[in-house]
């Protein structure tokens, strides 16, 4: 499932809440044509992460995370 770095979809977040971030990732993944099974696998991987940092590492592996403005 891991794409080349240049091919990762770009996602930005308005919240630090990991569940809200996961939902944003799922929306972006659908918009980029990910197969539903890949979205399910990615979601499960984030959900079972041991910590917030581990969950964010998984997100950053699959998505280019836009830095907040300001």
PDB file of N, CA and C in Angstrom:
ATOM      1  N   UNK A   1       0.822  -1.189   0.000  1.00  0.00           N
ATOM      2  CA  UNK A   1       0.000   0.000   0.000  1.00  0.00           C
ATOM      3  C   UNK A   1       0.866   1.252   0.000  1.00  0.00           C
ATOM      4  N   UNK A   2       2.028   1.224   0.577  1.00  0.00           N
ATOM      5  CA  UNK A   2       2.848   2.425   0.698  1.00  0.00           C
ATOM      6  C   UNK A   2       3.229   2.936  -0.682  1.00  0.00           C
ATOM      7  N   UNK A   3       2.899   4.191  -0.929  1.00  0.00           N
ATOM      8  CA  UNK A   3       3.183   4.824  -2.205  1.00  0.00           C
ATOM      9  C   UNK A   3       4.558   5.467  -2.174  1.00  0.00           C
ATOM     10  N   UNK A   4       5.044   5.821  -3.367  1.00  0.00           N
ATOM     11  CA  UNK A   4       6.274   6.595  -3.417  1.00  0.00           C
ATOM     12  C   UNK A   4       6.038   7.923  -2.714  1.00  0.00           C
ATOM     13  N   UNK A   5       7.067   8.473  -2.119  1.00  0.00           N
ATOM     14  CA  UNK A   5       6.931   9.704  -1.343  1.00  0.00           C
ATOM     15  C   UNK A   5       6.259  10.793  -2.167  1.00  0.00           C
ATOM     16  N   UNK A   6       6.643  10.948  -3.423  1.00  0.00           N
ATOM     17  CA  UNK A   6       6.086  12.006  -4.259  1.00  0.00           C
ATOM     18  C   UNK A   6       4.606  11.772  -4.564  1.00  0.00           C
ATOM     19  N   UNK A   7       4.145  10.533  -4.459  1.00  0.00           N
ATOM     20  CA  UNK A   7       2.767  10.199  -4.807  1.00  0.00           C
ATOM     21  C   UNK A   7       1.820  10.205  -3.618  1.00  0.00           C
ATOM     22  N   UNK A   8       2.327  10.542  -2.437  1.00  0.00           N
ATOM     23  CA  UNK A   8       1.459  10.527  -1.261  1.00  0.00           C
ATOM     24  C   UNK A   8       0.435  11.654  -1.352  1.00  0.00           C
ATOM     25  N   UNK A   9      -0.826  11.359  -1.039  1.00  0.00           N
ATOM     26  CA  UNK A   9      -1.830  12.426  -1.010  1.00  0.00           C
ATOM     27  C   UNK A   9      -1.510  13.432   0.090  1.00  0.00           C
ATOM     28  N   UNK A  10      -1.853  14.671  -0.150  1.00  0.00           N
ATOM     29  CA  UNK A  10      -1.607  15.731   0.835  1.00  0.00           C
ATOM     30  C   UNK A  10      -2.847  15.888   1.705  1.00  0.00           C
ATOM     31  N   UNK A  11      -2.634  15.965   3.014  1.00  0.00           N
ATOM     32  CA  UNK A  11      -3.733  16.121   3.963  1.00  0.00           C
ATOM     33  C   UNK A  11      -3.365  17.217   4.963  1.00  0.00           C
ATOM     34  N   UNK A  12      -4.367  17.963   5.394  1.00  0.00           N
ATOM     35  CA  UNK A  12      -4.148  18.963   6.434  1.00  0.00           C
ATOM     36  C   UNK A  12      -5.170  18.742   7.534  1.00  0.00           C
ATOM     37  N   UNK A  13      -4.837  19.210   8.715  1.00  0.00           N
ATOM     38  CA  UNK A  13      -5.684  18.959   9.873  1.00  0.00           C
ATOM     39  C   UNK A  13      -6.040  20.260  10.574  1.00  0.00           C
ATOM     40  N   UNK A  14      -7.274  20.336  11.063  1.00  0.00           N
ATOM     41  CA  UNK A  14      -7.717  21.478  11.854  1.00  0.00           C
ATOM     42  C   UNK A  14      -7.702  21.156  13.341  1.00  0.00           C
ATOM     43  N   UNK A  15      -7.499  19.892  13.670  1.00  0.00           N
ATOM     44  CA  UNK A  15      -7.570  19.448  15.059  1.00  0.00           C
ATOM     45  C   UNK A  15      -6.373  18.558  15.377  1.00  0.00           C
ATOM     46  N   UNK A  16      -5.997  18.516  16.649  1.00  0.00           N
ATOM     47  CA  UNK A  16      -4.956  17.598  17.102  1.00  0.00           C
ATOM     48  C   UNK A  16      -5.532  16.231  17.471  1.00  0.00           C
ATOM     49  N   UNK A  17      -6.841  16.109  17.485  1.00  0.00           N
ATOM     50  CA  UNK A  17      -7.496  14.863  17.848  1.00  0.00           C
ATOM     51  C   UNK A  17      -7.208  13.789  16.799  1.00  0.00           C
ATOM     52  N   UNK A  18      -6.648  12.663  17.232  1.00  0.00           N
ATOM     53  CA  UNK A  18      -6.229  11.620  16.292  1.00  0.00           C
ATOM     54  C   UNK A  18      -7.415  11.020  15.540  1.00  0.00           C
ATOM     55  N   UNK A  19      -8.575  10.931  16.170  1.00  0.00           N
ATOM     56  CA  UNK A  19      -9.748  10.354  15.498  1.00  0.00           C
ATOM     57  C   UNK A  19     -10.230  11.284  14.385  1.00  0.00           C
ATOM     58  N   UNK A  20     -10.193  12.592  14.655  1.00  0.00           N
ATOM     59  CA  UNK A  20     -10.565  13.571  13.632  1.00  0.00           C
ATOM     60  C   UNK A  20      -9.556  13.537  12.492  1.00  0.00           C
ATOM     61  N   UNK A  21      -8.294  13.381  12.829  1.00  0.00           N
ATOM     62  CA  UNK A  21      -7.262  13.292  11.802  1.00  0.00           C
ATOM     63  C   UNK A  21      -7.450  12.042  10.945  1.00  0.00           C
ATOM     64  N   UNK A  22      -7.789  10.933  11.579  1.00  0.00           N
ATOM     65  CA  UNK A  22      -8.030   9.701  10.831  1.00  0.00           C
ATOM     66  C   UNK A  22      -9.186   9.890   9.855  1.00  0.00           C
ATOM     67  N   UNK A  23     -10.252  10.532  10.283  1.00  0.00           N
ATOM     68  CA  UNK A  23     -11.398  10.771   9.398  1.00  0.00           C
ATOM     69  C   UNK A  23     -10.998  11.625   8.196  1.00  0.00           C
ATOM     70  N   UNK A  24     -10.167  12.638   8.430  1.00  0.00           N
ATOM     71  CA  UNK A  24      -9.670  13.479   7.333  1.00  0.00           C
ATOM     72  C   UNK A  24      -8.860  12.640   6.348  1.00  0.00           C
ATOM     73  N   UNK A  25      -8.019  11.766   6.870  1.00  0.00           N
ATOM     74  CA  UNK A  25      -7.214  10.894   6.011  1.00  0.00           C
ATOM     75  C   UNK A  25      -8.092   9.983   5.170  1.00  0.00           C
ATOM     76  N   UNK A  26      -9.136   9.435   5.765  1.00  0.00           N
ATOM     77  CA  UNK A  26     -10.026   8.541   5.023  1.00  0.00           C
ATOM     78  C   UNK A  26     -10.734   9.286   3.899  1.00  0.00           C
ATOM     79  N   UNK A  27     -11.133  10.524   4.142  1.00  0.00           N
ATOM     80  CA  UNK A  27     -11.785  11.334   3.104  1.00  0.00           C
ATOM     81  C   UNK A  27     -10.816  11.591   1.950  1.00  0.00           C
ATOM     82  N   UNK A  28      -9.585  11.978   2.284  1.00  0.00           N
ATOM     83  CA  UNK A  28      -8.580  12.245   1.256  1.00  0.00           C
ATOM     84  C   UNK A  28      -8.250  10.960   0.490  1.00  0.00           C
ATOM     85  N   UNK A  29      -8.131   9.854   1.198  1.00  0.00           N
ATOM     86  CA  UNK A  29      -7.831   8.575   0.545  1.00  0.00           C
ATOM     87  C   UNK A  29      -8.928   8.208  -0.460  1.00  0.00           C
ATOM     88  N   UNK A  30     -10.192   8.360  -0.065  1.00  0.00           N
ATOM     89  CA  UNK A  30     -11.299   8.083  -0.997  1.00  0.00           C
ATOM     90  C   UNK A  30     -11.212   8.984  -2.225  1.00  0.00           C
ATOM     91  N   UNK A  31     -10.924  10.269  -1.983  1.00  0.00           N
ATOM     92  CA  UNK A  31     -10.837  11.237  -3.086  1.00  0.00           C
ATOM     93  C   UNK A  31      -9.694  10.891  -4.047  1.00  0.00           C
ATOM     94  N   UNK A  32      -8.656  10.247  -3.534  1.00  0.00           N
ATOM     95  CA  UNK A  32      -7.512   9.865  -4.364  1.00  0.00           C
ATOM     96  C   UNK A  32      -7.653   8.454  -4.936  1.00  0.00           C
ATOM     97  N   UNK A  33      -8.806   7.851  -4.747  1.00  0.00           N
ATOM     98  CA  UNK A  33      -9.081   6.568  -5.383  1.00  0.00           C
ATOM     99  C   UNK A  33      -8.491   5.351  -4.724  1.00  0.00           C
ATOM    100  N   UNK A  34      -8.173   5.445  -3.429  1.00  0.00           N
ATOM    101  CA  UNK A  34      -7.683   4.263  -2.731  1.00  0.00           C
ATOM    102  C   UNK A  34      -8.762   3.188  -2.753  1.00  0.00           C
ATOM    103  N   UNK A  35      -8.342   1.962  -2.835  1.00  0.00           N
ATOM    104  CA  UNK A  35      -9.266   0.835  -2.750  1.00  0.00           C
ATOM    105  C   UNK A  35      -9.843   0.793  -1.329  1.00  0.00           C
ATOM    106  N   UNK A  36     -11.137   0.489  -1.183  1.00  0.00           N
ATOM    107  CA  UNK A  36     -11.742   0.441   0.159  1.00  0.00           C
ATOM    108  C   UNK A  36     -10.997  -0.460   1.139  1.00  0.00           C
ATOM    109  N   UNK A  37     -10.462  -1.572   0.664  1.00  0.00           N
ATOM    110  CA  UNK A  37      -9.712  -2.456   1.562  1.00  0.00           C
ATOM    111  C   UNK A  37      -8.434  -1.796   2.078  1.00  0.00           C
ATOM    112  N   UNK A  38      -7.800  -0.973   1.243  1.00  0.00           N
ATOM    113  CA  UNK A  38      -6.604  -0.253   1.690  1.00  0.00           C
ATOM    114  C   UNK A  38      -6.956   0.772   2.761  1.00  0.00           C
ATOM    115  N   UNK A  39      -8.103   1.426   2.612  1.00  0.00           N
ATOM    116  CA  UNK A  39      -8.550   2.394   3.611  1.00  0.00           C
ATOM    117  C   UNK A  39      -8.854   1.690   4.931  1.00  0.00           C
ATOM    118  N   UNK A  40      -9.493   0.545   4.861  1.00  0.00           N
ATOM    119  CA  UNK A  40      -9.801  -0.231   6.065  1.00  0.00           C
ATOM    120  C   UNK A  40      -8.512  -0.653   6.757  1.00  0.00           C
ATOM    121  N   UNK A  41      -7.557  -1.175   5.992  1.00  0.00           N
ATOM    122  CA  UNK A  41      -6.288  -1.620   6.573  1.00  0.00           C
ATOM    123  C   UNK A  41      -5.551  -0.452   7.224  1.00  0.00           C
ATOM    124  N   UNK A  42      -5.484   0.686   6.529  1.00  0.00           N
ATOM    125  CA  UNK A  42      -4.836   1.875   7.068  1.00  0.00           C
ATOM    126  C   UNK A  42      -5.522   2.316   8.359  1.00  0.00           C
ATOM    127  N   UNK A  43      -6.842   2.364   8.359  1.00  0.00           N
ATOM    128  CA  UNK A  43      -7.600   2.789   9.541  1.00  0.00           C
ATOM    129  C   UNK A  43      -7.338   1.876  10.726  1.00  0.00           C
ATOM    130  N   UNK A  44      -7.344   0.575  10.486  1.00  0.00           N
ATOM    131  CA  UNK A  44      -7.077  -0.381  11.564  1.00  0.00           C
ATOM    132  C   UNK A  44      -5.671  -0.193  12.125  1.00  0.00           C
ATOM    133  N   UNK A  45      -4.715   0.064  11.242  1.00  0.00           N
ATOM    134  CA  UNK A  45      -3.337   0.258  11.689  1.00  0.00           C
ATOM    135  C   UNK A  45      -3.231   1.487  12.599  1.00  0.00           C
ATOM    136  N   UNK A  46      -3.908   2.573  12.226  1.00  0.00           N
ATOM    137  CA  UNK A  46      -3.891   3.782  13.052  1.00  0.00           C
ATOM    138  C   UNK A  46      -4.609   3.513  14.377  1.00  0.00           C
ATOM    139  N   UNK A  47      -5.739   2.829  14.319  1.00  0.00           N
ATOM    140  CA  UNK A  47      -6.535   2.589  15.527  1.00  0.00           C
ATOM    141  C   UNK A  47      -5.812   1.724  16.556  1.00  0.00           C
ATOM    142  N   UNK A  48      -4.977   0.812  16.124  1.00  0.00           N
ATOM    143  CA  UNK A  48      -4.298  -0.069  17.080  1.00  0.00           C
ATOM    144  C   UNK A  48      -2.919   0.456  17.476  1.00  0.00           C
ATOM    145  N   UNK A  49      -2.559   1.623  16.973  1.00  0.00           N
ATOM    146  CA  UNK A  49      -1.265   2.218  17.329  1.00  0.00           C
ATOM    147  C   UNK A  49      -1.175   2.384  18.840  1.00  0.00           C
ATOM    148  N   UNK A  50       0.011   2.182  19.360  1.00  0.00           N
ATOM    149  CA  UNK A  50       0.247   2.227  20.804  1.00  0.00           C
ATOM    150  C   UNK A  50       0.120   3.638  21.364  1.00  0.00           C
ATOM    151  N   UNK A  51       0.507   4.629  20.559  1.00  0.00           N
ATOM    152  CA  UNK A  51       0.516   6.001  21.053  1.00  0.00           C
ATOM    153  C   UNK A  51       0.113   6.964  19.942  1.00  0.00           C
ATOM    154  N   UNK A  52      -0.124   8.196  20.338  1.00  0.00           N
ATOM    155  CA  UNK A  52      -0.429   9.261  19.382  1.00  0.00           C
ATOM    156  C   UNK A  52       0.725   9.401  18.385  1.00  0.00           C
ATOM    157  N   UNK A  53       1.938   9.360  18.871  1.00  0.00           N
ATOM    158  CA  UNK A  53       3.117   9.510  18.025  1.00  0.00           C
ATOM    159  C   UNK A  53       3.202   8.383  16.997  1.00  0.00           C
ATOM    160  N   UNK A  54       2.918   7.159  17.438  1.00  0.00           N
ATOM    161  CA  UNK A  54       2.942   6.023  16.518  1.00  0.00           C
ATOM    162  C   UNK A  54       1.847   6.168  15.470  1.00  0.00           C
ATOM    163  N   UNK A  55       0.665   6.598  15.891  1.00  0.00           N
ATOM    164  CA  UNK A  55      -0.436   6.799  14.948  1.00  0.00           C
ATOM    165  C   UNK A  55      -0.069   7.861  13.913  1.00  0.00           C
ATOM    166  N   UNK A  56       0.558   8.951  14.363  1.00  0.00           N
ATOM    167  CA  UNK A  56       0.965  10.014  13.436  1.00  0.00           C
ATOM    168  C   UNK A  56       2.065   9.530  12.491  1.00  0.00           C
ATOM    169  N   UNK A  57       2.946   8.666  12.958  1.00  0.00           N
ATOM    170  CA  UNK A  57       3.988   8.115  12.086  1.00  0.00           C
ATOM    171  C   UNK A  57       3.361   7.294  10.965  1.00  0.00           C
ATOM    172  N   UNK A  58       2.313   6.552  11.274  1.00  0.00           N
ATOM    173  CA  UNK A  58       1.610   5.767  10.262  1.00  0.00           C
ATOM    174  C   UNK A  58       0.958   6.708   9.251  1.00  0.00           C
ATOM    175  N   UNK A  59       0.309   7.755   9.746  1.00  0.00           N
ATOM    176  CA  UNK A  59      -0.319   8.733   8.857  1.00  0.00           C
ATOM    177  C   UNK A  59       0.734   9.384   7.964  1.00  0.00           C
ATOM    178  N   UNK A  60       1.853   9.791   8.550  1.00  0.00           N
ATOM    179  CA  UNK A  60       2.899  10.461   7.785  1.00  0.00           C
ATOM    180  C   UNK A  60       3.583   9.535   6.786  1.00  0.00           C
ATOM    181  N   UNK A  61       3.521   8.241   7.015  1.00  0.00           N
ATOM    182  CA  UNK A  61       4.079   7.280   6.067  1.00  0.00           C
ATOM    183  C   UNK A  61       3.249   7.260   4.782  1.00  0.00           C
ATOM    184  N   UNK A  62       1.934   7.416   4.912  1.00  0.00           N
ATOM    185  CA  UNK A  62       1.034   7.293   3.772  1.00  0.00           C
ATOM    186  C   UNK A  62       0.588   8.622   3.173  1.00  0.00           C
ATOM    187  N   UNK A  63       0.703   9.705   3.945  1.00  0.00           N
ATOM    188  CA  UNK A  63       0.221  11.022   3.514  1.00  0.00           C
ATOM    189  C   UNK A  63       1.299  12.069   3.699  1.00  0.00           C
ATOM    190  N   UNK A  64       1.273  13.067   2.847  1.00  0.00           N
ATOM    191  CA  UNK A  64       2.085  14.255   3.045  1.00  0.00           C
ATOM    192  C   UNK A  64       1.244  15.191   3.918  1.00  0.00           C
ATOM    193  N   UNK A  65       1.685  15.450   5.116  1.00  0.00           N
ATOM    194  CA  UNK A  65       0.925  16.253   6.061  1.00  0.00           C
ATOM    195  C   UNK A  65       1.294  17.720   5.867  1.00  0.00           C
ATOM    196  N   UNK A  66       0.300  18.522   5.499  1.00  0.00           N
ATOM    197  CA  UNK A  66       0.514  19.952   5.307  1.00  0.00           C
ATOM    198  C   UNK A  66       0.701  20.627   6.658  1.00  0.00           C
ATOM    199  N   UNK A  67       1.666  21.492   6.728  1.00  0.00           N
ATOM    200  CA  UNK A  67       1.914  22.232   7.963  1.00  0.00           C
ATOM    201  C   UNK A  67       0.872  23.333   8.115  1.00  0.00           C
ATOM    202  N   UNK A  68       0.411  23.565   9.346  1.00  0.00           N
ATOM    203  CA  UNK A  68      -0.607  24.606   9.560  1.00  0.00           C
ATOM    204  C   UNK A  68      -0.061  25.979   9.218  1.00  0.00           C
ATOM    205  N   UNK A  69      -0.941  26.816   8.729  1.00  0.00           N
ATOM    206  CA  UNK A  69      -0.551  28.200   8.413  1.00  0.00           C
ATOM    207  C   UNK A  69      -0.508  29.006   9.689  1.00  0.00           C
ATOM    208  N   UNK A  70       0.333  30.027   9.657  1.00  0.00           N
ATOM    209  CA  UNK A  70       0.317  30.938  10.783  1.00  0.00           C
ATOM    210  C   UNK A  70       1.525  31.041  11.541  1.00  0.00           C
TER     211      UNK A  70
END
